[in-house]
Amino acid sequence: LQALDALRAQPSEADLARRLAAPLSERQRSLLLQWGYPYVFDEFRFHMTLSNSLDDAGERAALLAWWRQRVPALGPLSVDHAALFVEPAPGEPFVLWQRLPFRADGPNDGAVPQVTRR
């Protein structure tokens, strides 16, 4: 996050106001103002978005049942890189911009990861 911060677009006033109106801790507010997002560093919790918003209870139940049947087959997941995606223009599909491989030889020594473009 720190190494790539210069590439980050500043949040719009409307986006910042919307996020500040959410129930955030003081730490999360501070992170939001400094980094543009309240859930970074010690406030980050790994998550994956697996669907669009599901307003219908039946849709939610069907998706949960579908995933519950398949998750055990996934086994442990290894994570060896991060992928950065960009939205070329508002509303366009996200596309892969860069892959950032993680070091296999131990903790990061503060060096910026090597970038492989695809």
PDB file of N, CA and C in Angstrom:
ATOM      1  N   LEU A   1       0.836  -1.197   0.000  1.00  0.00           N
ATOM      2  CA  LEU A   1       0.000   0.000   0.000  1.00  0.00           C
ATOM      3  C   LEU A   1       0.869   1.244   0.000  1.00  0.00           C
ATOM      4  N   GLN A   2       1.886   1.248   0.843  1.00  0.00           N
ATOM      5  CA  GLN A   2       2.749   2.422   0.926  1.00  0.00           C
ATOM      6  C   GLN A   2       3.524   2.613  -0.363  1.00  0.00           C
ATOM      7  N   ALA A   3       4.032   1.520  -0.958  1.00  0.00           N
ATOM      8  CA  ALA A   3       4.834   1.624  -2.172  1.00  0.00           C
ATOM      9  C   ALA A   3       4.006   2.079  -3.367  1.00  0.00           C
ATOM     10  N   LEU A   4       2.717   1.752  -3.378  1.00  0.00           N
ATOM     11  CA  LEU A   4       1.865   2.072  -4.529  1.00  0.00           C
ATOM     12  C   LEU A   4       0.968   3.282  -4.301  1.00  0.00           C
ATOM     13  N   ASP A   5       1.100   3.945  -3.166  1.00  0.00           N
ATOM     14  CA  ASP A   5       0.194   5.046  -2.828  1.00  0.00           C
ATOM     15  C   ASP A   5       0.209   6.171  -3.858  1.00  0.00           C
ATOM     16  N   ALA A   6       1.345   6.407  -4.476  1.00  0.00           N
ATOM     17  CA  ALA A   6       1.422   7.492  -5.465  1.00  0.00           C
ATOM     18  C   ALA A   6       0.536   7.218  -6.683  1.00  0.00           C
ATOM     19  N   LEU A   7       0.152   5.960  -6.905  1.00  0.00           N
ATOM     20  CA  LEU A   7      -0.697   5.602  -8.046  1.00  0.00           C
ATOM     21  C   LEU A   7      -2.184   5.746  -7.736  1.00  0.00           C
ATOM     22  N   ARG A   8      -2.508   5.957  -6.486  1.00  0.00           N
ATOM     23  CA  ARG A   8      -3.893   5.981  -6.036  1.00  0.00           C
ATOM     24  C   ARG A   8      -4.572   7.301  -6.395  1.00  0.00           C
ATOM     25  N   ALA A   9      -5.785   7.185  -6.924  1.00  0.00           N
ATOM     26  CA  ALA A   9      -6.604   8.380  -7.157  1.00  0.00           C
ATOM     27  C   ALA A   9      -7.169   8.836  -5.817  1.00  0.00           C
ATOM     28  N   GLN A  10      -7.225  10.121  -5.585  1.00  0.00           N
ATOM     29  CA  GLN A  10      -7.815  10.663  -4.367  1.00  0.00           C
ATOM     30  C   GLN A  10      -9.323  10.437  -4.416  1.00  0.00           C
ATOM     31  N   PRO A  11      -9.930  10.089  -3.289  1.00  0.00           N
ATOM     32  CA  PRO A  11     -11.383   9.904  -3.304  1.00  0.00           C
ATOM     33  C   PRO A  11     -12.087  11.234  -3.567  1.00  0.00           C
ATOM     34  N   SER A  12     -13.222  11.151  -4.235  1.00  0.00           N
ATOM     35  CA  SER A  12     -14.008  12.369  -4.475  1.00  0.00           C
ATOM     36  C   SER A  12     -14.577  12.841  -3.144  1.00  0.00           C
ATOM     37  N   GLU A  13     -15.001  14.101  -3.104  1.00  0.00           N
ATOM     38  CA  GLU A  13     -15.616  14.642  -1.886  1.00  0.00           C
ATOM     39  C   GLU A  13     -16.862  13.836  -1.518  1.00  0.00           C
ATOM     40  N   ALA A  14     -17.641  13.445  -2.522  1.00  0.00           N
ATOM     41  CA  ALA A  14     -18.862  12.675  -2.265  1.00  0.00           C
ATOM     42  C   ALA A  14     -18.518  11.298  -1.688  1.00  0.00           C
ATOM     43  N   ASP A  15     -17.510  10.650  -2.239  1.00  0.00           N
ATOM     44  CA  ASP A  15     -17.119   9.329  -1.738  1.00  0.00           C
ATOM     45  C   ASP A  15     -16.586   9.431  -0.314  1.00  0.00           C
ATOM     46  N   LEU A  16     -15.768  10.437  -0.073  1.00  0.00           N
ATOM     47  CA  LEU A  16     -15.221  10.638   1.270  1.00  0.00           C
ATOM     48  C   LEU A  16     -16.352  10.906   2.278  1.00  0.00           C
ATOM     49  N   ALA A  17     -17.294  11.750   1.906  1.00  0.00           N
ATOM     50  CA  ALA A  17     -18.426  12.059   2.790  1.00  0.00           C
ATOM     51  C   ALA A  17     -19.259  10.806   3.060  1.00  0.00           C
ATOM     52  N   ARG A  18     -19.476   9.994   2.026  1.00  0.00           N
ATOM     53  CA  ARG A  18     -20.248   8.756   2.188  1.00  0.00           C
ATOM     54  C   ARG A  18     -19.544   7.816   3.154  1.00  0.00           C
ATOM     55  N   ARG A  19     -18.243   7.656   2.998  1.00  0.00           N
ATOM     56  CA  ARG A  19     -17.488   6.748   3.877  1.00  0.00           C
ATOM     57  C   ARG A  19     -17.415   7.299   5.313  1.00  0.00           C
ATOM     58  N   LEU A  20     -17.262   8.614   5.457  1.00  0.00           N
ATOM     59  CA  LEU A  20     -17.201   9.202   6.800  1.00  0.00           C
ATOM     60  C   LEU A  20     -18.542   9.109   7.523  1.00  0.00           C
ATOM     61  N   ALA A  21     -19.636   8.996   6.773  1.00  0.00           N
ATOM     62  CA  ALA A  21     -20.959   8.862   7.386  1.00  0.00           C
ATOM     63  C   ALA A  21     -21.192   7.451   7.925  1.00  0.00           C
ATOM     64  N   ALA A  22     -20.367   6.480   7.509  1.00  0.00           N
ATOM     65  CA  ALA A  22     -20.502   5.096   7.979  1.00  0.00           C
ATOM     66  C   ALA A  22     -20.006   5.000   9.417  1.00  0.00           C
ATOM     67  N   PRO A  23     -20.453   3.983  10.145  1.00  0.00           N
ATOM     68  CA  PRO A  23     -19.970   3.805  11.520  1.00  0.00           C
ATOM     69  C   PRO A  23     -18.523   3.298  11.527  1.00  0.00           C
ATOM     70  N   LEU A  24     -17.572   4.209  11.712  1.00  0.00           N
ATOM     71  CA  LEU A  24     -16.151   3.878  11.712  1.00  0.00           C
ATOM     72  C   LEU A  24     -15.542   4.192  13.073  1.00  0.00           C
ATOM     73  N   SER A  25     -14.533   3.407  13.445  1.00  0.00           N
ATOM     74  CA  SER A  25     -13.777   3.727  14.658  1.00  0.00           C
ATOM     75  C   SER A  25     -12.885   4.932  14.360  1.00  0.00           C
ATOM     76  N   GLU A  26     -12.309   5.517  15.392  1.00  0.00           N
ATOM     77  CA  GLU A  26     -11.381   6.638  15.186  1.00  0.00           C
ATOM     78  C   GLU A  26     -10.193   6.197  14.337  1.00  0.00           C
ATOM     79  N   ARG A  27      -9.696   4.984  14.581  1.00  0.00           N
ATOM     80  CA  ARG A  27      -8.574   4.453  13.795  1.00  0.00           C
ATOM     81  C   ARG A  27      -8.970   4.343  12.322  1.00  0.00           C
ATOM     82  N   GLN A  28     -10.160   3.834  12.042  1.00  0.00           N
ATOM     83  CA  GLN A  28     -10.632   3.691  10.666  1.00  0.00           C
ATOM     84  C   GLN A  28     -10.806   5.049   9.997  1.00  0.00           C
ATOM     85  N   ARG A  29     -11.305   6.031  10.730  1.00  0.00           N
ATOM     86  CA  ARG A  29     -11.431   7.389  10.175  1.00  0.00           C
ATOM     87  C   ARG A  29     -10.057   7.949   9.810  1.00  0.00           C
ATOM     88  N   SER A  30      -9.092   7.737  10.693  1.00  0.00           N
ATOM     89  CA  SER A  30      -7.735   8.206  10.435  1.00  0.00           C
ATOM     90  C   SER A  30      -7.148   7.549   9.185  1.00  0.00           C
ATOM     91  N   LEU A  31      -7.339   6.235   9.068  1.00  0.00           N
ATOM     92  CA  LEU A  31      -6.838   5.511   7.889  1.00  0.00           C
ATOM     93  C   LEU A  31      -7.535   5.995   6.620  1.00  0.00           C
ATOM     94  N   LEU A  32      -8.829   6.224   6.707  1.00  0.00           N
ATOM     95  CA  LEU A  32      -9.578   6.726   5.556  1.00  0.00           C
ATOM     96  C   LEU A  32      -9.011   8.059   5.081  1.00  0.00           C
ATOM     97  N   LEU A  33      -8.777   8.967   6.007  1.00  0.00           N
ATOM     98  CA  LEU A  33      -8.272  10.289   5.633  1.00  0.00           C
ATOM     99  C   LEU A  33      -6.840  10.217   5.085  1.00  0.00           C
ATOM    100  N   GLN A  34      -6.026   9.304   5.617  1.00  0.00           N
ATOM    101  CA  GLN A  34      -4.642   9.208   5.150  1.00  0.00           C
ATOM    102  C   GLN A  34      -4.489   8.369   3.889  1.00  0.00           C
ATOM    103  N   TRP A  35      -5.227   7.244   3.793  1.00  0.00           N
ATOM    104  CA  TRP A  35      -4.994   6.285   2.721  1.00  0.00           C
ATOM    105  C   TRP A  35      -6.172   6.141   1.757  1.00  0.00           C
ATOM    106  N   GLY A  36      -7.300   6.827   2.023  1.00  0.00           N
ATOM    107  CA  GLY A  36      -8.438   6.748   1.111  1.00  0.00           C
ATOM    108  C   GLY A  36      -9.349   5.568   1.337  1.00  0.00           C
ATOM    109  N   TYR A  37      -9.046   4.745   2.352  1.00  0.00           N
ATOM    110  CA  TYR A  37      -9.861   3.563   2.649  1.00  0.00           C
ATOM    111  C   TYR A  37      -9.683   3.240   4.128  1.00  0.00           C
ATOM    112  N   PRO A  38     -10.771   2.934   4.835  1.00  0.00           N
ATOM    113  CA  PRO A  38     -10.651   2.754   6.285  1.00  0.00           C
ATOM    114  C   PRO A  38     -10.161   1.380   6.731  1.00  0.00           C
ATOM    115  N   TYR A  39     -10.131   0.415   5.828  1.00  0.00           N
ATOM    116  CA  TYR A  39      -9.826  -0.962   6.219  1.00  0.00           C
ATOM    117  C   TYR A  39      -8.482  -1.414   5.658  1.00  0.00           C
ATOM    118  N   VAL A  40      -7.412  -0.746   6.078  1.00  0.00           N
ATOM    119  CA  VAL A  40      -6.060  -1.104   5.651  1.00  0.00           C
ATOM    120  C   VAL A  40      -5.208  -1.400   6.884  1.00  0.00           C
ATOM    121  N   PHE A  41      -4.033  -1.972   6.656  1.00  0.00           N
ATOM    122  CA  PHE A  41      -3.095  -2.314   7.722  1.00  0.00           C
ATOM    123  C   PHE A  41      -3.779  -3.157   8.797  1.00  0.00           C
ATOM    124  N   ASP A  42      -3.747  -2.737  10.040  1.00  0.00           N
ATOM    125  CA  ASP A  42      -4.306  -3.544  11.121  1.00  0.00           C
ATOM    126  C   ASP A  42      -5.832  -3.649  11.077  1.00  0.00           C
ATOM    127  N   GLU A  43      -6.492  -2.829  10.294  1.00  0.00           N
ATOM    128  CA  GLU A  43      -7.950  -2.885  10.168  1.00  0.00           C
ATOM    129  C   GLU A  43      -8.397  -3.768   9.004  1.00  0.00           C
ATOM    130  N   PHE A  44      -7.454  -4.257   8.199  1.00  0.00           N
ATOM    131  CA  PHE A  44      -7.801  -5.090   7.041  1.00  0.00           C
ATOM    132  C   PHE A  44      -8.210  -6.485   7.480  1.00  0.00           C
ATOM    133  N   ARG A  45      -9.257  -6.993   6.885  1.00  0.00           N
ATOM    134  CA  ARG A  45      -9.684  -8.376   7.067  1.00  0.00           C
ATOM    135  C   ARG A  45      -9.854  -8.975   5.682  1.00  0.00           C
ATOM    136  N   PHE A  46      -9.171 -10.078   5.428  1.00  0.00           N
ATOM    137  CA  PHE A  46      -9.246 -10.695   4.107  1.00  0.00           C
ATOM    138  C   PHE A  46     -10.687 -11.028   3.760  1.00  0.00           C
ATOM    139  N   HIS A  47     -11.065 -10.752   2.542  1.00  0.00           N
ATOM    140  CA  HIS A  47     -12.397 -11.077   2.048  1.00  0.00           C
ATOM    141  C   HIS A  47     -12.356 -11.213   0.540  1.00  0.00           C
ATOM    142  N   MET A  48     -13.319 -11.909  -0.004  1.00  0.00           N
ATOM    143  CA  MET A  48     -13.477 -12.019  -1.447  1.00  0.00           C
ATOM    144  C   MET A  48     -14.932 -11.722  -1.781  1.00  0.00           C
ATOM    145  N   THR A  49     -15.145 -10.877  -2.758  1.00  0.00           N
ATOM    146  CA  THR A  49     -16.495 -10.606  -3.227  1.00  0.00           C
ATOM    147  C   THR A  49     -16.833 -11.680  -4.249  1.00  0.00           C
ATOM    148  N   LEU A  50     -17.871 -12.437  -3.983  1.00  0.00           N
ATOM    149  CA  LEU A  50     -18.196 -13.580  -4.832  1.00  0.00           C
ATOM    150  C   LEU A  50     -19.469 -13.394  -5.648  1.00  0.00           C
ATOM    151  N   SER A  51     -20.160 -12.279  -5.465  1.00  0.00           N
ATOM    152  CA  SER A  51     -21.369 -12.038  -6.245  1.00  0.00           C
ATOM    153  C   SER A  51     -21.679 -10.549  -6.227  1.00  0.00           C
ATOM    154  N   ASN A  52     -22.630 -10.175  -7.028  1.00  0.00           N
ATOM    155  CA  ASN A  52     -23.166  -8.820  -6.947  1.00  0.00           C
ATOM    156  C   ASN A  52     -24.036  -8.738  -5.699  1.00  0.00           C
ATOM    157  N   SER A  53     -24.580  -7.582  -5.419  1.00  0.00           N
ATOM    158  CA  SER A  53     -25.481  -7.408  -4.293  1.00  0.00           C
ATOM    159  C   SER A  53     -26.706  -8.306  -4.482  1.00  0.00           C
ATOM    160  N   LEU A  54     -27.083  -9.005  -3.423  1.00  0.00           N
ATOM    161  CA  LEU A  54     -28.240  -9.896  -3.472  1.00  0.00           C
ATOM    162  C   LEU A  54     -29.307  -9.365  -2.523  1.00  0.00           C
ATOM    163  N   ASP A  55     -30.321  -8.731  -3.076  1.00  0.00           N
ATOM    164  CA  ASP A  55     -31.383  -8.155  -2.257  1.00  0.00           C
ATOM    165  C   ASP A  55     -32.463  -9.169  -1.903  1.00  0.00           C
ATOM    166  N   ASP A  56     -32.618 -10.189  -2.729  1.00  0.00           N
ATOM    167  CA  ASP A  56     -33.655 -11.188  -2.532  1.00  0.00           C
ATOM    168  C   ASP A  56     -33.165 -12.302  -1.606  1.00  0.00           C
ATOM    169  N   ALA A  57     -33.936 -12.607  -0.557  1.00  0.00           N
ATOM    170  CA  ALA A  57     -33.539 -13.643   0.403  1.00  0.00           C
ATOM    171  C   ALA A  57     -33.394 -14.997  -0.269  1.00  0.00           C
ATOM    172  N   GLY A  58     -34.218 -15.281  -1.254  1.00  0.00           N
ATOM    173  CA  GLY A  58     -34.120 -16.552  -1.979  1.00  0.00           C
ATOM    174  C   GLY A  58     -32.828 -16.669  -2.756  1.00  0.00           C
ATOM    175  N   GLU A  59     -32.412 -15.561  -3.380  1.00  0.00           N
ATOM    176  CA  GLU A  59     -31.125 -15.554  -4.100  1.00  0.00           C
ATOM    177  C   GLU A  59     -29.975 -15.793  -3.132  1.00  0.00           C
ATOM    178  N   ARG A  60     -30.018 -15.117  -1.981  1.00  0.00           N
ATOM    179  CA  ARG A  60     -28.960 -15.288  -0.978  1.00  0.00           C
ATOM    180  C   ARG A  60     -28.883 -16.735  -0.513  1.00  0.00           C
ATOM    181  N   ALA A  61     -30.032 -17.327  -0.208  1.00  0.00           N
ATOM    182  CA  ALA A  61     -30.057 -18.708   0.273  1.00  0.00           C
ATOM    183  C   ALA A  61     -29.537 -19.668  -0.799  1.00  0.00           C
ATOM    184  N   ALA A  62     -29.913 -19.452  -2.035  1.00  0.00           N
ATOM    185  CA  ALA A  62     -29.455 -20.328  -3.125  1.00  0.00           C
ATOM    186  C   ALA A  62     -27.942 -20.208  -3.311  1.00  0.00           C
ATOM    187  N   LEU A  63     -27.414 -18.989  -3.249  1.00  0.00           N
ATOM    188  CA  LEU A  63     -25.970 -18.811  -3.414  1.00  0.00           C
ATOM    189  C   LEU A  63     -25.208 -19.438  -2.247  1.00  0.00           C
ATOM    190  N   LEU A  64     -25.687 -19.246  -1.023  1.00  0.00           N
ATOM    191  CA  LEU A  64     -25.034 -19.852   0.138  1.00  0.00           C
ATOM    192  C   LEU A  64     -25.036 -21.373   0.035  1.00  0.00           C
ATOM    193  N   ALA A  65     -26.152 -21.964  -0.369  1.00  0.00           N
ATOM    194  CA  ALA A  65     -26.220 -23.420  -0.516  1.00  0.00           C
ATOM    195  C   ALA A  65     -25.239 -23.894  -1.576  1.00  0.00           C
ATOM    196  N   TRP A  66     -25.150 -23.173  -2.682  1.00  0.00           N
ATOM    197  CA  TRP A  66     -24.233 -23.525  -3.771  1.00  0.00           C
ATOM    198  C   TRP A  66     -22.793 -23.529  -3.265  1.00  0.00           C
ATOM    199  N   TRP A  67     -22.398 -22.452  -2.545  1.00  0.00           N
ATOM    200  CA  TRP A  67     -21.026 -22.364  -2.039  1.00  0.00           C
ATOM    201  C   TRP A  67     -20.739 -23.406  -0.960  1.00  0.00           C
ATOM    202  N   ARG A  68     -21.675 -23.641  -0.077  1.00  0.00           N
ATOM    203  CA  ARG A  68     -21.451 -24.619   1.001  1.00  0.00           C
ATOM    204  C   ARG A  68     -21.162 -26.008   0.446  1.00  0.00           C
ATOM    205  N   GLN A  69     -21.739 -26.335  -0.711  1.00  0.00           N
ATOM    206  CA  GLN A  69     -21.468 -27.631  -1.338  1.00  0.00           C
ATOM    207  C   GLN A  69     -20.067 -27.687  -1.941  1.00  0.00           C
ATOM    208  N   ARG A  70     -19.531 -26.566  -2.370  1.00  0.00           N
ATOM    209  CA  ARG A  70     -18.278 -26.556  -3.117  1.00  0.00           C
ATOM    210  C   ARG A  70     -17.034 -26.187  -2.312  1.00  0.00           C
ATOM    211  N   VAL A  71     -17.191 -25.436  -1.240  1.00  0.00           N
ATOM    212  CA  VAL A  71     -16.034 -24.963  -0.474  1.00  0.00           C
ATOM    213  C   VAL A  71     -15.145 -26.096   0.036  1.00  0.00           C
ATOM    214  N   PRO A  72     -15.685 -27.197   0.567  1.00  0.00           N
ATOM    215  CA  PRO A  72     -14.787 -28.248   1.060  1.00  0.00           C
ATOM    216  C   PRO A  72     -13.846 -28.798  -0.011  1.00  0.00           C
ATOM    217  N   ALA A  73     -14.276 -28.803  -1.257  1.00  0.00           N
ATOM    218  CA  ALA A  73     -13.438 -29.325  -2.336  1.00  0.00           C
ATOM    219  C   ALA A  73     -12.274 -28.399  -2.681  1.00  0.00           C
ATOM    220  N   LEU A  74     -12.342 -27.153  -2.242  1.00  0.00           N
ATOM    221  CA  LEU A  74     -11.269 -26.208  -2.558  1.00  0.00           C
ATOM    222  C   LEU A  74      -9.989 -26.527  -1.799  1.00  0.00           C
ATOM    223  N   GLY A  75     -10.125 -27.083  -0.598  1.00  0.00           N
ATOM    224  CA  GLY A  75      -8.945 -27.377   0.216  1.00  0.00           C
ATOM    225  C   GLY A  75      -8.229 -26.102   0.598  1.00  0.00           C
ATOM    226  N   PRO A  76      -7.011 -26.227   1.146  1.00  0.00           N
ATOM    227  CA  PRO A  76      -6.261 -25.011   1.498  1.00  0.00           C
ATOM    228  C   PRO A  76      -5.871 -24.240   0.238  1.00  0.00           C
ATOM    229  N   LEU A  77      -5.968 -22.949   0.317  1.00  0.00           N
ATOM    230  CA  LEU A  77      -5.608 -22.095  -0.813  1.00  0.00           C
ATOM    231  C   LEU A  77      -4.266 -21.436  -0.542  1.00  0.00           C
ATOM    232  N   SER A  78      -3.339 -21.580  -1.470  1.00  0.00           N
ATOM    233  CA  SER A  78      -2.069 -20.871  -1.312  1.00  0.00           C
ATOM    234  C   SER A  78      -2.151 -19.559  -2.081  1.00  0.00           C
ATOM    235  N   VAL A  79      -1.553 -18.535  -1.519  1.00  0.00           N
ATOM    236  CA  VAL A  79      -1.562 -17.217  -2.152  1.00  0.00           C
ATOM    237  C   VAL A  79      -0.112 -16.843  -2.416  1.00  0.00           C
ATOM    238  N   ASP A  80       0.255 -16.723  -3.695  1.00  0.00           N
ATOM    239  CA  ASP A  80       1.640 -16.429  -4.035  1.00  0.00           C
ATOM    240  C   ASP A  80       1.831 -15.102  -4.751  1.00  0.00           C
ATOM    241  N   HIS A  81       0.751 -14.385  -4.994  1.00  0.00           N
ATOM    242  CA  HIS A  81       0.866 -13.059  -5.603  1.00  0.00           C
ATOM    243  C   HIS A  81      -0.414 -12.265  -5.365  1.00  0.00           C
ATOM    244  N   ALA A  82      -0.314 -10.988  -5.598  1.00  0.00           N
ATOM    245  CA  ALA A  82      -1.486 -10.112  -5.593  1.00  0.00           C
ATOM    246  C   ALA A  82      -1.683  -9.636  -7.019  1.00  0.00           C
ATOM    247  N   ALA A  83      -2.902  -9.393  -7.393  1.00  0.00           N
ATOM    248  CA  ALA A  83      -3.203  -8.898  -8.726  1.00  0.00           C
ATOM    249  C   ALA A  83      -3.921  -7.554  -8.590  1.00  0.00           C
ATOM    250  N   LEU A  84      -3.494  -6.598  -9.370  1.00  0.00           N
ATOM    251  CA  LEU A  84      -4.127  -5.277  -9.378  1.00  0.00           C
ATOM    252  C   LEU A  84      -4.959  -5.149 -10.641  1.00  0.00           C
ATOM    253  N   PHE A  85      -6.219  -4.803 -10.464  1.00  0.00           N
ATOM    254  CA  PHE A  85      -7.124  -4.623 -11.588  1.00  0.00           C
ATOM    255  C   PHE A  85      -7.504  -3.156 -11.689  1.00  0.00           C
ATOM    256  N   VAL A  86      -7.775  -2.692 -12.893  1.00  0.00           N
ATOM    257  CA  VAL A  86      -8.209  -1.316 -13.109  1.00  0.00           C
ATOM    258  C   VAL A  86      -9.528  -1.319 -13.872  1.00  0.00           C
ATOM    259  N   GLU A  87     -10.286  -0.275 -13.665  1.00  0.00           N
ATOM    260  CA  GLU A  87     -11.522  -0.043 -14.408  1.00  0.00           C
ATOM    261  C   GLU A  87     -11.181   1.047 -15.427  1.00  0.00           C
ATOM    262  N   PRO A  88     -11.000   0.682 -16.709  1.00  0.00           N
ATOM    263  CA  PRO A  88     -10.528   1.667 -17.696  1.00  0.00           C
ATOM    264  C   PRO A  88     -11.374   2.938 -17.756  1.00  0.00           C
ATOM    265  N   ALA A  89     -12.659   2.806 -17.570  1.00  0.00           N
ATOM    266  CA  ALA A  89     -13.569   3.953 -17.529  1.00  0.00           C
ATOM    267  C   ALA A  89     -14.752   3.536 -16.661  1.00  0.00           C
ATOM    268  N   PRO A  90     -15.448   4.497 -16.058  1.00  0.00           N
ATOM    269  CA  PRO A  90     -16.574   4.142 -15.195  1.00  0.00           C
ATOM    270  C   PRO A  90     -17.554   3.193 -15.886  1.00  0.00           C
ATOM    271  N   GLY A  91     -17.858   2.088 -15.200  1.00  0.00           N
ATOM    272  CA  GLY A  91     -18.817   1.126 -15.723  1.00  0.00           C
ATOM    273  C   GLY A  91     -18.222   0.058 -16.618  1.00  0.00           C
ATOM    274  N   GLU A  92     -16.967   0.217 -17.058  1.00  0.00           N
ATOM    275  CA  GLU A  92     -16.344  -0.807 -17.902  1.00  0.00           C
ATOM    276  C   GLU A  92     -15.857  -1.951 -17.027  1.00  0.00           C
ATOM    277  N   PRO A  93     -15.707  -3.142 -17.612  1.00  0.00           N
ATOM    278  CA  PRO A  93     -15.203  -4.273 -16.830  1.00  0.00           C
ATOM    279  C   PRO A  93     -13.775  -4.020 -16.350  1.00  0.00           C
ATOM    280  N   PHE A  94     -13.463  -4.520 -15.159  1.00  0.00           N
ATOM    281  CA  PHE A  94     -12.102  -4.428 -14.652  1.00  0.00           C
ATOM    282  C   PHE A  94     -11.198  -5.331 -15.476  1.00  0.00           C
ATOM    283  N   VAL A  95      -9.958  -4.897 -15.678  1.00  0.00           N
ATOM    284  CA  VAL A  95      -8.971  -5.691 -16.411  1.00  0.00           C
ATOM    285  C   VAL A  95      -7.693  -5.782 -15.573  1.00  0.00           C
ATOM    286  N   LEU A  96      -6.974  -6.894 -15.743  1.00  0.00           N
ATOM    287  CA  LEU A  96      -5.729  -7.080 -15.013  1.00  0.00           C
ATOM    288  C   LEU A  96      -4.719  -6.033 -15.454  1.00  0.00           C
ATOM    289  N   TRP A  97      -4.127  -5.339 -14.482  1.00  0.00           N
ATOM    290  CA  TRP A  97      -3.119  -4.326 -14.777  1.00  0.00           C
ATOM    291  C   TRP A  97      -1.728  -4.853 -14.465  1.00  0.00           C
ATOM    292  N   GLN A  98      -1.535  -5.390 -13.254  1.00  0.00           N
ATOM    293  CA  GLN A  98      -0.225  -5.907 -12.861  1.00  0.00           C
ATOM    294  C   GLN A  98      -0.385  -7.051 -11.877  1.00  0.00           C
ATOM    295  N   ARG A  99       0.588  -7.952 -11.898  1.00  0.00           N
ATOM    296  CA  ARG A  99       0.701  -9.004 -10.885  1.00  0.00           C
ATOM    297  C   ARG A  99       1.911  -8.696 -10.018  1.00  0.00           C
ATOM    298  N   LEU A 100       1.750  -8.852  -8.722  1.00  0.00           N
ATOM    299  CA  LEU A 100       2.838  -8.601  -7.784  1.00  0.00           C
ATOM    300  C   LEU A 100       3.127  -9.903  -7.036  1.00  0.00           C
ATOM    301  N   PRO A 101       4.160 -10.636  -7.446  1.00  0.00           N
ATOM    302  CA  PRO A 101       4.455 -11.900  -6.771  1.00  0.00           C
ATOM    303  C   PRO A 101       4.991 -11.664  -5.364  1.00  0.00           C
ATOM    304  N   PHE A 102       4.632 -12.566  -4.454  1.00  0.00           N
ATOM    305  CA  PHE A 102       5.161 -12.522  -3.105  1.00  0.00           C
ATOM    306  C   PHE A 102       6.481 -13.268  -3.079  1.00  0.00           C
ATOM    307  N   ARG A 103       7.365 -12.860  -2.201  1.00  0.00           N
ATOM    308  CA  ARG A 103       8.651 -13.532  -2.064  1.00  0.00           C
ATOM    309  C   ARG A 103       8.440 -14.895  -1.430  1.00  0.00           C
ATOM    310  N   ALA A 104       9.157 -15.894  -1.942  1.00  0.00           N
ATOM    311  CA  ALA A 104       9.048 -17.244  -1.413  1.00  0.00           C
ATOM    312  C   ALA A 104      10.069 -17.511  -0.323  1.00  0.00           C
ATOM    313  N   ASP A 105      11.036 -16.613  -0.131  1.00  0.00           N
ATOM    314  CA  ASP A 105      12.143 -16.895   0.784  1.00  0.00           C
ATOM    315  C   ASP A 105      11.991 -16.268   2.161  1.00  0.00           C
ATOM    316  N   GLY A 106      10.829 -15.762   2.510  1.00  0.00           N
ATOM    317  CA  GLY A 106      10.656 -15.243   3.866  1.00  0.00           C
ATOM    318  C   GLY A 106       9.950 -13.907   3.880  1.00  0.00           C
ATOM    319  N   PRO A 107       9.942 -13.277   5.032  1.00  0.00           N
ATOM    320  CA  PRO A 107       9.226 -12.003   5.182  1.00  0.00           C
ATOM    321  C   PRO A 107       9.783 -10.933   4.246  1.00  0.00           C
ATOM    322  N   ASN A 108       8.905 -10.050   3.886  1.00  0.00           N
ATOM    323  CA  ASN A 108       9.300  -8.951   3.016  1.00  0.00           C
ATOM    324  C   ASN A 108      10.270  -8.050   3.765  1.00  0.00           C
ATOM    325  N   ASP A 109      11.369  -7.697   3.122  1.00  0.00           N
ATOM    326  CA  ASP A 109      12.383  -6.847   3.778  1.00  0.00           C
ATOM    327  C   ASP A 109      12.140  -5.379   3.499  1.00  0.00           C
ATOM    328  N   GLY A 110      10.958  -5.047   3.020  1.00  0.00           N
ATOM    329  CA  GLY A 110      10.634  -3.659   2.721  1.00  0.00           C
ATOM    330  C   GLY A 110      10.844  -3.299   1.258  1.00  0.00           C
ATOM    331  N   ALA A 111      11.409  -4.239   0.492  1.00  0.00           N
ATOM    332  CA  ALA A 111      11.641  -3.962  -0.922  1.00  0.00           C
ATOM    333  C   ALA A 111      10.310  -3.974  -1.671  1.00  0.00           C
ATOM    334  N   VAL A 112      10.224  -3.180  -2.707  1.00  0.00           N
ATOM    335  CA  VAL A 112       9.041  -3.171  -3.553  1.00  0.00           C
ATOM    336  C   VAL A 112       9.066  -4.440  -4.394  1.00  0.00           C
ATOM    337  N   PRO A 113       7.935  -5.192  -4.465  1.00  0.00           N
ATOM    338  CA  PRO A 113       7.941  -6.430  -5.231  1.00  0.00           C
ATOM    339  C   PRO A 113       8.220  -6.196  -6.698  1.00  0.00           C
ATOM    340  N   GLN A 114       8.806  -7.187  -7.344  1.00  0.00           N
ATOM    341  CA  GLN A 114       8.995  -7.137  -8.790  1.00  0.00           C
ATOM    342  C   GLN A 114       7.623  -7.249  -9.442  1.00  0.00           C
ATOM    343  N   VAL A 115       7.408  -6.546 -10.540  1.00  0.00           N
ATOM    344  CA  VAL A 115       6.119  -6.515 -11.191  1.00  0.00           C
ATOM    345  C   VAL A 115       6.207  -7.235 -12.514  1.00  0.00           C
ATOM    346  N   THR A 116       5.239  -8.121 -12.778  1.00  0.00           N
ATOM    347  CA  THR A 116       5.150  -8.812 -14.044  1.00  0.00           C
ATOM    348  C   THR A 116       3.890  -8.346 -14.727  1.00  0.00           C
ATOM    349  N   ARG A 117       4.030  -7.751 -15.889  1.00  0.00           N
ATOM    350  CA  ARG A 117       2.839  -7.295 -16.628  1.00  0.00           C
ATOM    351  C   ARG A 117       2.354  -8.423 -17.498  1.00  0.00           C
ATOM    352  N   ARG A 118       1.034  -8.541 -17.587  1.00  0.00           N
ATOM    353  CA  ARG A 118       0.423  -9.575 -18.436  1.00  0.00           C
ATOM    354  C   ARG A 118      -0.471  -8.914 -19.451  1.00  0.00           C
TER     355      ARG A 118
END
